[in-house]
Amino acid sequence: MVDAEIESQSDSQSVPRADDGILTSEHFWYALDRQMLGSGLRLILILPAFSIFTSFGALAFSSSSPEWWSKIEPTLGMSFALALTALTFIILLGYILVQIFHRHRVELSIRNFEKEVKRLNDNHLSVQSLHGYESLADLLNGARSKHSWSLSFGIMSSLLLGSIFVFDIATLNGKILLLLSFSTLSLSLGQHIPTRSRPFNMDERTGLLNAYTPPIHPSTLEMVFDDLVKTHMDPLLRSEYEVYSKEIEARFQKGIDSQYAREKILMTLYRHSKGLDFKTMQSELSEVLTDKGMELVQNHPVFTMEEWLTIIHHIERSCPAFFRMIGRIEEDLGAGRSSTTSGIVFEVDMENVVHERANLFTLIHNLSKTPRSIVVRVQSPDFRPHDLAMTYRLNPGERHWWSSKPLPLAAEGDDDVLGLMSGLLRDGTVAWQSLLPERFGEATVSVRLEELSGDLIIGRQINVRVRTKYLQRIRYFTSLSSNLIGILGIAAGIFIKINDIFGNIGA
């Protein structure tokens, strides 16, 4: 009776998002935006680029038209410069239309975000209390504001360009209007480009992952895969995951440790993302899940297999060092190699190329039958903190999670690489430290495993390169340049007009 009540309560909380008008509308607009507007053809960038090219052409031929145009001008009744201005105006109208569609899609995503927050709150899942919600909400509101400014500058640019047909481009006023139109278009691009660094949508369940940046993470992971997943999930997805975890725990096989089962499920899903066939994955999951649990994993309304592959890929891209570290341990287990030192497993890894911060992962596991206290010391002249020492008391595991003979990746029971790796992650100690670089270029990090007395057990030195994110740097430079050019262009246009007014008065 109690189990049935728990299942009923869990099922009511994991009801998928209602497919209402707003969500259906976003599905259409996001598909259009992804294929043609913001991504795909990228009309939102191509159209203003063409308009800038034609604007310079109009300015270059403002005084005289090319010879070949003399045969066409009587038919059209306008100079070559004015024809280019008309073409630029049409392109700008297309740009404004694209901006309106793109901003509408962003507005729909934000409204769906707010609607989803309200739905979760109604189900007694307070999203606002989760760490990282405020920064995510601020990012979404900031993106909406930038898109509004970008659209406003685009409309202003087209109005200024349209005024040229009144004053004629050959006059000084016409040239000033062309300069002001170009400047406001540059400001429009300067507002739009920063929003491309962290795109988001609510059409996909994982649409907020790229926009969300985890503000903090645990330094010592209790349940390694579970902590990694919760750290990288956005607040909405994390709320759903908490419910999903309770639902899964109610469907574990009897006598299975819940932490071990959750780690094995996530480990198996990770191996499936790396090529483990579906049948073997089902066999491994059935060792810890009941039939109802298998059905839940395969047919969950939120966490489908496709969503899990996306989540795991996102985590793997954010923390490649962790997956490289466990990959080496899996190779050792599969080949039947002995542990690093007698009675202890020690592995450490960090990104080869560091950008904003370095993720240092360390795994330690006591293979002996007696408790042991050790010190993990991290030293580097190139990262902050320069000297970090962490003391751990390593209790012996429930069983000897290592093998001196080669093991298959997956087999019946826990005597395979997946089973031993899941137990190693559960009983072992995994430390996750964020190191902040102080300079660009080559850098070194020394990781030492010591006794409490200071005697060295084993040490590793890692060489990395600290660089800026190239694409992010290009976007920042382009945005800054566009805004600067726009401001200088407007200032120059105003100065030229004032100088012309006072010059005529003086004359």
Protein backbone atom coordinates (compact mmCIF):
# COMPACT_ATOMS: atom_id res chain seq x y z
CA MET A 1 0.00 0.00 0.00
CA VAL A 2 2.82 2.40 0.88
CA ASP A 3 4.73 1.57 -2.33
CA ALA A 4 1.62 2.19 -4.40
CA GLU A 5 1.12 5.53 -2.68
CA ILE A 6 4.73 6.52 -3.36
CA GLU A 7 4.41 5.54 -7.03
CA SER A 8 1.20 7.52 -7.38
CA GLN A 9 2.75 10.59 -5.80
CA SER A 10 5.88 10.35 -7.94
CA ASP A 11 3.92 9.87 -11.14
CA SER A 12 1.83 12.93 -10.41
CA GLN A 13 4.96 15.03 -9.96
CA SER A 14 6.64 13.87 -13.15
CA VAL A 15 3.78 14.80 -15.46
CA PRO A 16 5.35 16.15 -18.65
CA ARG A 17 4.94 19.75 -19.66
CA ALA A 18 1.55 20.52 -21.06
CA ASP A 19 1.64 20.88 -24.84
CA ASP A 20 -0.24 24.18 -24.76
CA GLY A 21 -0.37 26.96 -27.35
CA ILE A 22 2.83 28.66 -26.24
CA LEU A 23 4.91 25.48 -26.32
CA THR A 24 3.45 24.44 -29.68
CA SER A 25 4.17 27.89 -31.03
CA GLU A 26 7.76 27.78 -29.81
CA HIS A 27 8.24 24.42 -31.50
CA PHE A 28 7.46 26.03 -34.87
CA TRP A 29 9.46 29.21 -34.30
CA TYR A 30 12.45 27.39 -32.85
CA ALA A 31 12.58 25.08 -35.88
CA LEU A 32 12.52 28.13 -38.15
CA ASP A 33 15.11 29.92 -36.03
CA ARG A 34 17.42 26.90 -35.95
CA GLN A 35 17.24 26.28 -39.71
CA MET A 36 17.28 29.80 -41.13
CA LEU A 37 17.43 32.71 -38.69
CA GLY A 38 19.89 32.38 -35.80
CA SER A 39 21.52 29.14 -36.96
CA GLY A 40 21.60 27.25 -40.24
CA LEU A 41 21.56 29.97 -42.92
CA ARG A 42 22.20 32.60 -40.21
CA LEU A 43 20.16 35.26 -41.97
CA ILE A 44 20.42 37.42 -38.87
CA LEU A 45 24.13 37.86 -39.67
CA ILE A 46 24.19 37.52 -43.46
CA LEU A 47 21.58 40.22 -44.17
CA PRO A 48 23.30 43.04 -42.22
CA ALA A 49 26.65 42.00 -43.75
CA PHE A 50 25.17 42.44 -47.26
CA SER A 51 23.57 45.73 -46.26
CA ILE A 52 26.91 47.08 -45.04
CA PHE A 53 28.50 46.07 -48.34
CA THR A 54 25.82 47.83 -50.40
CA SER A 55 25.96 50.89 -48.11
CA PHE A 56 29.65 51.34 -48.84
CA GLY A 57 28.89 50.92 -52.55
CA ALA A 58 26.24 53.64 -52.38
CA LEU A 59 28.66 55.96 -50.62
CA ALA A 60 31.43 55.26 -53.14
CA PHE A 61 29.18 56.09 -56.14
CA SER A 62 27.27 58.94 -54.48
CA SER A 63 28.90 61.54 -56.71
CA SER A 64 28.81 59.72 -60.06
CA SER A 65 27.45 56.45 -61.46
CA PRO A 66 29.55 53.92 -63.41
CA GLU A 67 29.43 54.17 -67.21
CA TRP A 68 27.47 50.95 -67.73
CA TRP A 69 24.70 52.30 -65.50
CA SER A 70 23.96 55.13 -67.98
CA LYS A 71 22.01 52.63 -70.12
CA ILE A 72 19.87 51.52 -67.16
CA GLU A 73 19.37 54.83 -65.32
CA PRO A 74 16.78 56.28 -67.76
CA THR A 75 14.62 53.18 -67.29
CA LEU A 76 14.76 53.12 -63.48
CA GLY A 77 14.90 56.86 -63.06
CA MET A 78 17.51 56.77 -60.29
CA SER A 79 21.28 56.92 -59.95
CA PHE A 80 23.40 53.87 -59.19
CA ALA A 81 23.98 55.10 -55.62
CA LEU A 82 20.26 55.57 -55.07
CA ALA A 83 19.58 52.09 -56.49
CA LEU A 84 22.09 50.61 -54.06
CA THR A 85 20.42 52.59 -51.27
CA ALA A 86 17.04 51.11 -52.24
CA LEU A 87 18.58 47.61 -52.27
CA THR A 88 20.10 48.28 -48.83
CA PHE A 89 16.71 49.43 -47.55
CA ILE A 90 15.05 46.20 -48.76
CA ILE A 91 17.79 44.12 -47.11
CA LEU A 92 17.33 46.06 -43.89
CA LEU A 93 13.59 45.37 -43.97
CA GLY A 94 14.43 41.67 -44.27
CA TYR A 95 16.87 42.02 -41.36
CA ILE A 96 14.18 43.67 -39.23
CA LEU A 97 11.75 40.90 -40.07
CA VAL A 98 14.35 38.27 -39.07
CA GLN A 99 15.02 40.18 -35.84
CA ILE A 100 11.29 40.26 -35.05
CA PHE A 101 10.97 36.51 -35.61
CA HIS A 102 14.11 35.75 -33.62
CA ARG A 103 13.07 37.96 -30.72
CA HIS A 104 9.59 36.42 -30.78
CA ARG A 105 11.14 32.96 -30.45
CA VAL A 106 13.28 34.13 -27.52
CA GLU A 107 10.22 35.69 -25.89
CA LEU A 108 8.31 32.41 -26.27
CA SER A 109 11.21 30.52 -24.67
CA ILE A 110 11.28 32.87 -21.70
CA ARG A 111 7.50 32.67 -21.26
CA ASN A 112 7.71 28.87 -21.36
CA PHE A 113 10.50 29.04 -18.79
CA GLU A 114 8.34 31.11 -16.46
CA LYS A 115 5.38 28.80 -17.08
CA GLU A 116 7.49 25.74 -16.27
CA VAL A 117 8.75 27.34 -13.05
CA LYS A 118 5.16 27.98 -12.01
CA ARG A 119 4.16 24.39 -12.84
CA LEU A 120 7.00 22.96 -10.75
CA ASN A 121 6.13 25.29 -7.88
CA ASP A 122 2.53 24.09 -8.03
CA ASN A 123 3.90 20.54 -7.70
CA HIS A 124 5.79 21.64 -4.56
CA LEU A 125 9.18 21.70 -6.32
CA SER A 126 10.64 25.11 -5.54
CA VAL A 127 12.96 25.94 -8.43
CA GLN A 128 13.80 29.44 -7.14
CA SER A 129 15.50 27.96 -4.07
CA LEU A 130 17.98 25.99 -6.17
CA HIS A 131 21.47 27.40 -6.52
CA GLY A 132 21.99 28.92 -9.95
CA TYR A 133 18.37 29.87 -10.63
CA GLU A 134 18.91 33.61 -10.21
CA SER A 135 21.90 33.69 -12.57
CA LEU A 136 19.96 31.71 -15.20
CA ALA A 137 16.88 33.94 -14.90
CA ASP A 138 19.11 37.02 -15.14
CA LEU A 139 20.74 35.61 -18.30
CA LEU A 140 17.34 35.04 -19.94
CA ASN A 141 16.09 38.52 -19.05
CA GLY A 142 19.37 40.03 -20.22
CA ALA A 143 19.06 38.23 -23.56
CA ARG A 144 15.52 39.56 -23.98
CA SER A 145 16.74 43.09 -23.29
CA LYS A 146 19.63 42.80 -25.78
CA HIS A 147 17.30 41.48 -28.49
CA SER A 148 14.94 44.40 -27.88
CA TRP A 149 17.78 46.91 -28.21
CA SER A 150 19.08 45.13 -31.30
CA LEU A 151 15.65 45.29 -32.95
CA SER A 152 15.23 48.97 -31.98
CA PHE A 153 18.58 49.93 -33.52
CA GLY A 154 17.71 47.94 -36.66
CA ILE A 155 14.40 49.82 -37.07
CA MET A 156 16.19 53.13 -36.48
CA SER A 157 18.75 52.22 -39.14
CA SER A 158 16.05 51.54 -41.73
CA LEU A 159 14.22 54.81 -40.91
CA LEU A 160 17.43 56.82 -41.32
CA LEU A 161 18.17 55.05 -44.59
CA GLY A 162 14.64 55.70 -45.86
CA SER A 163 15.09 59.42 -45.21
CA ILE A 164 17.81 59.50 -47.88
CA PHE A 165 15.10 59.28 -50.56
CA VAL A 166 13.87 62.68 -49.31
CA PHE A 167 17.24 64.47 -49.13
CA ASP A 168 19.07 62.61 -51.99
CA ILE A 169 22.26 60.69 -51.34
CA ALA A 170 24.39 63.12 -53.37
CA THR A 171 23.83 65.87 -50.78
CA LEU A 172 25.68 66.23 -47.50
CA ASN A 173 22.53 65.43 -45.54
CA GLY A 174 22.08 62.24 -47.55
CA LYS A 175 25.64 61.12 -46.81
CA ILE A 176 25.22 61.94 -43.09
CA LEU A 177 22.00 59.89 -43.00
CA LEU A 178 23.82 56.99 -44.68
CA LEU A 179 26.55 57.23 -42.05
CA LEU A 180 24.01 57.31 -39.21
CA SER A 181 22.14 54.35 -40.72
CA PHE A 182 25.34 52.33 -40.90
CA SER A 183 26.23 53.32 -37.32
CA THR A 184 22.88 52.27 -35.83
CA LEU A 185 23.07 48.98 -37.77
CA SER A 186 26.50 48.42 -36.23
CA LEU A 187 24.99 49.05 -32.78
CA SER A 188 22.26 46.53 -33.59
CA LEU A 189 24.87 43.87 -34.36
CA GLY A 190 26.82 44.83 -31.26
CA GLN A 191 23.78 44.05 -29.11
CA HIS A 192 22.95 40.78 -30.87
CA ILE A 193 26.36 39.08 -31.07
CA PRO A 194 26.84 38.51 -27.28
CA THR A 195 23.56 36.57 -27.15
CA ARG A 196 25.03 33.92 -29.46
CA SER A 197 27.53 32.74 -26.83
CA ARG A 198 24.92 31.04 -24.63
CA PRO A 199 21.85 30.08 -26.70
CA PHE A 200 18.78 28.62 -25.04
CA ASN A 201 15.34 27.28 -25.82
CA MET A 202 12.49 25.51 -24.04
CA ASP A 203 11.39 23.40 -26.99
CA GLU A 204 13.96 20.76 -25.94
CA ARG A 205 14.22 19.41 -22.41
CA THR A 206 17.96 20.07 -22.49
CA GLY A 207 17.60 23.47 -24.16
CA LEU A 208 18.93 25.38 -21.12
CA LEU A 209 22.11 23.34 -20.60
CA ASN A 210 24.33 25.52 -22.80
CA ALA A 211 22.99 28.70 -21.19
CA TYR A 212 23.48 27.45 -17.63
CA THR A 213 26.89 27.75 -15.97
CA PRO A 214 27.20 25.93 -12.61
CA PRO A 215 28.14 28.59 -10.05
CA ILE A 216 29.59 26.08 -7.54
CA HIS A 217 30.21 22.36 -7.31
CA PRO A 218 31.07 19.95 -4.48
CA SER A 219 34.79 19.58 -3.79
CA THR A 220 34.38 15.93 -2.74
CA LEU A 221 31.85 13.91 -4.71
CA GLU A 222 29.77 11.55 -2.59
CA MET A 223 27.98 9.83 -5.48
CA VAL A 224 30.26 10.75 -8.35
CA PHE A 225 28.10 10.42 -11.44
CA ASP A 226 25.02 11.59 -9.59
CA ASP A 227 26.80 14.72 -8.31
CA LEU A 228 28.20 15.47 -11.77
CA VAL A 229 24.77 15.18 -13.32
CA LYS A 230 23.08 17.41 -10.73
CA THR A 231 25.87 19.99 -10.92
CA HIS A 232 25.56 20.47 -14.68
CA MET A 233 21.77 20.32 -14.90
CA ASP A 234 19.88 23.60 -15.07
CA PRO A 235 17.47 24.23 -12.15
CA LEU A 236 14.38 23.07 -14.09
CA LEU A 237 15.96 19.80 -15.17
CA ARG A 238 17.45 19.28 -11.72
CA SER A 239 14.01 19.54 -10.11
CA GLU A 240 12.71 16.87 -12.47
CA TYR A 241 15.78 14.74 -11.77
CA GLU A 242 15.15 14.75 -8.02
CA VAL A 243 11.69 13.29 -8.65
CA TYR A 244 13.12 10.84 -11.17
CA SER A 245 15.70 9.62 -8.63
CA LYS A 246 12.97 8.86 -6.08
CA GLU A 247 10.96 7.01 -8.70
CA ILE A 248 13.98 4.91 -9.67
CA GLU A 249 14.89 4.10 -6.07
CA ALA A 250 11.39 2.69 -5.52
CA ARG A 251 12.06 0.21 -8.33
CA PHE A 252 15.48 -1.18 -7.34
CA GLN A 253 16.00 -4.91 -6.90
CA LYS A 254 15.72 -6.07 -3.29
CA GLY A 255 19.01 -6.11 -1.40
CA ILE A 256 20.72 -3.69 -3.85
CA ASP A 257 22.50 -0.72 -2.31
CA SER A 258 20.76 2.41 -3.62
CA GLN A 259 23.97 4.41 -4.13
CA TYR A 260 25.64 1.56 -5.98
CA ALA A 261 22.55 1.09 -8.16
CA ARG A 262 22.31 4.76 -9.10
CA GLU A 263 26.00 4.91 -9.97
CA LYS A 264 25.75 1.75 -12.05
CA ILE A 265 22.72 3.07 -13.94
CA LEU A 266 24.50 6.29 -14.81
CA MET A 267 27.75 4.45 -15.62
CA THR A 268 25.85 2.09 -17.94
CA LEU A 269 24.12 5.02 -19.67
CA TYR A 270 27.51 6.64 -20.14
CA ARG A 271 28.94 3.46 -21.65
CA HIS A 272 25.87 3.27 -23.90
CA SER A 273 26.69 6.78 -25.15
CA LYS A 274 30.19 5.50 -26.00
CA GLY A 275 28.96 2.53 -28.02
CA LEU A 276 27.64 -0.14 -25.61
CA ASP A 277 24.88 -1.93 -27.51
CA PHE A 278 21.28 -1.60 -26.35
CA LYS A 279 20.83 -5.27 -25.47
CA THR A 280 23.89 -5.34 -23.21
CA MET A 281 22.77 -2.09 -21.60
CA GLN A 282 19.39 -3.64 -20.81
CA SER A 283 21.12 -6.69 -19.32
CA GLU A 284 23.29 -4.51 -17.05
CA LEU A 285 20.37 -2.35 -15.93
CA SER A 286 18.23 -5.40 -15.16
CA GLU A 287 20.80 -6.45 -12.52
CA VAL A 288 19.75 -3.49 -10.34
CA LEU A 289 16.23 -2.64 -11.61
CA THR A 290 12.92 -4.47 -11.51
CA ASP A 291 10.75 -4.83 -14.60
CA LYS A 292 8.89 -1.66 -13.65
CA GLY A 293 12.22 0.10 -13.22
CA MET A 294 13.33 -0.98 -16.71
CA GLU A 295 10.08 0.29 -18.14
CA LEU A 296 10.53 3.61 -16.34
CA VAL A 297 14.07 4.09 -17.69
CA GLN A 298 13.01 3.30 -21.24
CA ASN A 299 9.71 5.20 -21.31
CA HIS A 300 10.13 8.08 -18.88
CA PRO A 301 8.35 11.21 -20.18
CA VAL A 302 11.26 13.51 -19.29
CA PHE A 303 14.49 11.50 -19.20
CA THR A 304 14.33 9.57 -22.43
CA MET A 305 17.40 7.85 -23.87
CA GLU A 306 17.91 10.76 -26.26
CA GLU A 307 17.84 13.24 -23.39
CA TRP A 308 20.34 11.16 -21.40
CA LEU A 309 22.73 11.05 -24.35
CA THR A 310 22.50 14.84 -24.65
CA ILE A 311 23.08 15.34 -20.91
CA ILE A 312 26.05 12.97 -20.81
CA HIS A 313 27.59 14.57 -23.90
CA HIS A 314 27.22 18.00 -22.27
CA ILE A 315 28.92 16.80 -19.05
CA GLU A 316 31.66 15.07 -21.01
CA ARG A 317 32.34 18.27 -22.93
CA SER A 318 32.43 20.31 -19.69
CA CYS A 319 34.59 17.86 -17.69
CA PRO A 320 36.70 15.83 -20.17
CA ALA A 321 39.34 15.18 -17.48
CA PHE A 322 36.97 13.09 -15.35
CA PHE A 323 35.96 10.81 -18.21
CA ARG A 324 39.55 10.46 -19.35
CA MET A 325 40.51 9.49 -15.80
CA ILE A 326 37.86 6.79 -15.43
CA GLY A 327 38.66 5.65 -18.97
CA ARG A 328 42.22 4.83 -17.89
CA ILE A 329 40.93 2.94 -14.85
CA GLU A 330 38.56 0.95 -17.05
CA GLU A 331 41.46 0.04 -19.33
CA ASP A 332 43.48 -1.14 -16.32
CA LEU A 333 40.56 -3.23 -15.08
CA GLY A 334 39.93 -4.68 -18.50
CA ALA A 335 43.60 -5.59 -18.96
CA GLY A 336 43.99 -6.94 -15.42
CA ARG A 337 46.76 -4.50 -14.45
CA SER A 338 47.66 -4.06 -10.79
CA SER A 339 46.72 -0.91 -8.91
CA THR A 340 49.06 2.08 -8.87
CA THR A 341 50.58 1.28 -5.46
CA SER A 342 50.18 -1.54 -3.02
CA GLY A 343 46.80 -1.25 -1.32
CA ILE A 344 45.66 2.01 -2.91
CA VAL A 345 44.19 3.19 -6.21
CA PHE A 346 45.30 6.68 -7.24
CA GLU A 347 44.40 8.50 -10.46
CA VAL A 348 44.42 12.20 -11.33
CA ASP A 349 43.64 14.18 -14.46
CA MET A 350 43.04 17.71 -15.71
CA GLU A 351 42.19 19.34 -19.05
CA ASN A 352 45.05 19.60 -21.54
CA VAL A 353 43.86 23.04 -22.60
CA VAL A 354 42.50 25.30 -19.85
CA HIS A 355 40.28 28.29 -20.57
CA GLU A 356 38.46 30.06 -17.73
CA ARG A 357 39.20 27.52 -15.00
CA ALA A 358 40.82 24.11 -14.66
CA ASN A 359 38.91 21.09 -13.40
CA LEU A 360 41.25 18.82 -11.45
CA PHE A 361 39.84 15.38 -10.62
CA THR A 362 41.48 12.95 -8.21
CA LEU A 363 40.30 9.42 -7.41
CA ILE A 364 41.63 7.56 -4.34
CA HIS A 365 40.47 4.20 -3.06
CA ASN A 366 41.74 2.11 -0.17
CA LEU A 367 42.06 -1.54 -1.25
CA SER A 368 43.34 -2.72 2.13
CA LYS A 369 41.15 -3.93 5.01
CA THR A 370 42.20 -1.23 7.49
CA PRO A 371 41.35 2.50 7.52
CA ARG A 372 44.03 4.82 6.24
CA SER A 373 44.56 8.60 6.44
CA ILE A 374 46.32 10.37 3.58
CA VAL A 375 46.93 13.93 2.37
CA VAL A 376 46.32 15.09 -1.20
CA ARG A 377 48.50 18.13 -1.92
CA VAL A 378 48.07 20.27 -5.03
CA GLN A 379 50.83 22.76 -5.85
CA SER A 380 51.20 25.10 -8.81
CA PRO A 381 52.85 28.49 -9.40
CA ASP A 382 50.48 29.13 -12.31
CA PHE A 383 47.09 28.55 -10.67
CA ARG A 384 45.25 29.77 -7.61
CA PRO A 385 45.32 28.41 -4.96
CA HIS A 386 49.07 27.88 -5.24
CA ASP A 387 49.20 25.31 -2.44
CA LEU A 388 46.21 23.22 -1.43
CA ALA A 389 46.21 20.31 1.04
CA MET A 390 43.22 18.02 1.71
CA THR A 391 43.25 15.28 4.34
CA TYR A 392 41.07 12.21 3.76
CA ARG A 393 40.34 9.22 5.92
CA LEU A 394 39.97 6.27 3.57
CA ASN A 395 37.79 3.50 4.93
CA PRO A 396 38.07 0.07 3.33
CA GLY A 397 35.44 -0.69 0.69
CA GLU A 398 32.66 -3.22 1.10
CA ARG A 399 34.63 -5.50 -1.19
CA HIS A 400 37.89 -5.52 -3.11
CA TRP A 401 36.94 -3.36 -6.13
CA TRP A 402 39.88 -4.44 -8.27
CA SER A 403 40.92 -7.47 -10.25
CA SER A 404 44.32 -8.87 -11.22
CA LYS A 405 42.84 -10.74 -14.20
CA PRO A 406 41.39 -9.31 -17.43
CA LEU A 407 37.65 -8.57 -17.26
CA PRO A 408 34.97 -8.08 -19.92
CA LEU A 409 33.27 -4.72 -20.18
CA ALA A 410 29.86 -6.18 -19.35
CA ALA A 411 28.86 -9.64 -18.12
CA GLU A 412 26.33 -11.24 -15.79
CA GLY A 413 26.91 -10.17 -12.20
CA ASP A 414 29.27 -7.47 -10.90
CA ASP A 415 32.54 -9.14 -11.91
CA ASP A 416 32.95 -6.99 -14.99
CA VAL A 417 34.41 -3.57 -15.73
CA LEU A 418 31.04 -1.80 -15.29
CA GLY A 419 30.38 -3.48 -11.94
CA LEU A 420 33.86 -2.86 -10.51
CA MET A 421 33.95 0.72 -11.80
CA SER A 422 30.57 1.48 -10.23
CA GLY A 423 31.71 0.06 -6.87
CA LEU A 424 35.01 1.92 -7.13
CA LEU A 425 33.24 5.22 -7.65
CA ARG A 426 30.84 4.52 -4.78
CA ASP A 427 33.42 3.42 -2.18
CA GLY A 428 36.31 5.52 -3.48
CA THR A 429 36.97 9.21 -2.84
CA VAL A 430 36.75 11.56 -5.81
CA ALA A 431 37.91 15.15 -5.32
CA TRP A 432 36.96 17.90 -7.77
CA GLN A 433 38.94 21.13 -7.49
CA SER A 434 38.60 24.26 -9.61
CA LEU A 435 41.94 25.99 -10.20
CA LEU A 436 42.01 29.55 -11.55
CA PRO A 437 44.82 30.36 -14.02
CA GLU A 438 46.91 33.46 -13.41
CA ARG A 439 48.58 33.71 -16.82
CA PHE A 440 48.32 32.40 -20.35
CA GLY A 441 50.75 29.90 -21.85
CA GLU A 442 52.33 26.73 -20.49
CA ALA A 443 51.46 25.81 -16.90
CA THR A 444 52.21 22.95 -14.52
CA VAL A 445 50.31 21.38 -11.65
CA SER A 446 51.86 18.97 -9.16
CA VAL A 447 49.61 16.50 -7.30
CA ARG A 448 51.15 14.58 -4.40
CA LEU A 449 49.70 11.77 -2.31
CA GLU A 450 51.34 11.90 1.12
CA GLU A 451 51.23 10.24 4.50
CA LEU A 452 50.18 12.40 7.45
CA SER A 453 53.87 12.59 8.35
CA GLY A 454 54.64 14.21 4.99
CA ASP A 455 56.24 11.16 3.36
CA LEU A 456 55.48 10.92 -0.34
CA ILE A 457 53.40 7.93 -1.46
CA ILE A 458 53.07 8.85 -5.11
CA GLY A 459 53.13 12.06 -7.13
CA ARG A 460 52.04 13.28 -10.55
CA GLN A 461 52.90 16.38 -12.54
CA ILE A 462 50.49 17.66 -15.17
CA ASN A 463 51.48 20.05 -17.95
CA VAL A 464 48.69 22.10 -19.53
CA ARG A 465 48.24 25.13 -21.76
CA VAL A 466 46.15 28.10 -20.63
CA ARG A 467 44.32 29.85 -23.46
CA THR A 468 41.29 32.02 -24.03
CA LYS A 469 38.27 30.59 -25.82
CA TYR A 470 38.92 31.58 -29.41
CA LEU A 471 35.29 31.81 -30.56
CA GLN A 472 34.21 33.63 -27.41
CA ARG A 473 37.11 36.05 -27.81
CA ILE A 474 36.11 36.71 -31.45
CA ARG A 475 32.52 37.37 -30.39
CA TYR A 476 33.59 39.72 -27.60
CA PHE A 477 35.94 41.63 -29.92
CA THR A 478 33.31 41.82 -32.68
CA SER A 479 30.65 43.07 -30.28
CA LEU A 480 32.96 45.66 -28.77
CA SER A 481 34.11 46.83 -32.21
CA SER A 482 30.54 47.07 -33.51
CA ASN A 483 29.41 49.16 -30.56
CA LEU A 484 32.49 51.37 -30.79
CA ILE A 485 32.08 51.89 -34.54
CA GLY A 486 28.41 52.70 -34.05
CA ILE A 487 29.09 55.29 -31.34
CA LEU A 488 31.95 56.90 -33.29
CA GLY A 489 29.86 56.94 -36.46
CA ILE A 490 26.96 58.73 -34.75
CA ALA A 491 29.38 61.19 -33.14
CA ALA A 492 31.05 61.84 -36.50
CA GLY A 493 27.70 62.40 -38.23
CA ILE A 494 26.59 64.88 -35.57
CA PHE A 495 29.94 66.70 -35.70
CA ILE A 496 29.83 66.99 -39.50
CA LYS A 497 26.30 68.40 -39.41
CA ILE A 498 27.12 70.91 -36.64
CA ASN A 499 30.25 71.97 -38.49
CA ASP A 500 28.20 72.47 -41.66
CA ILE A 501 25.60 74.56 -39.81
CA PHE A 502 28.18 76.87 -38.19
CA GLY A 503 30.11 77.06 -41.43
CA ASN A 504 27.07 78.33 -43.29
CA ILE A 505 26.37 80.86 -40.55
CA GLY A 506 29.94 82.10 -40.69
CA ALA A 507 29.75 82.43 -44.48
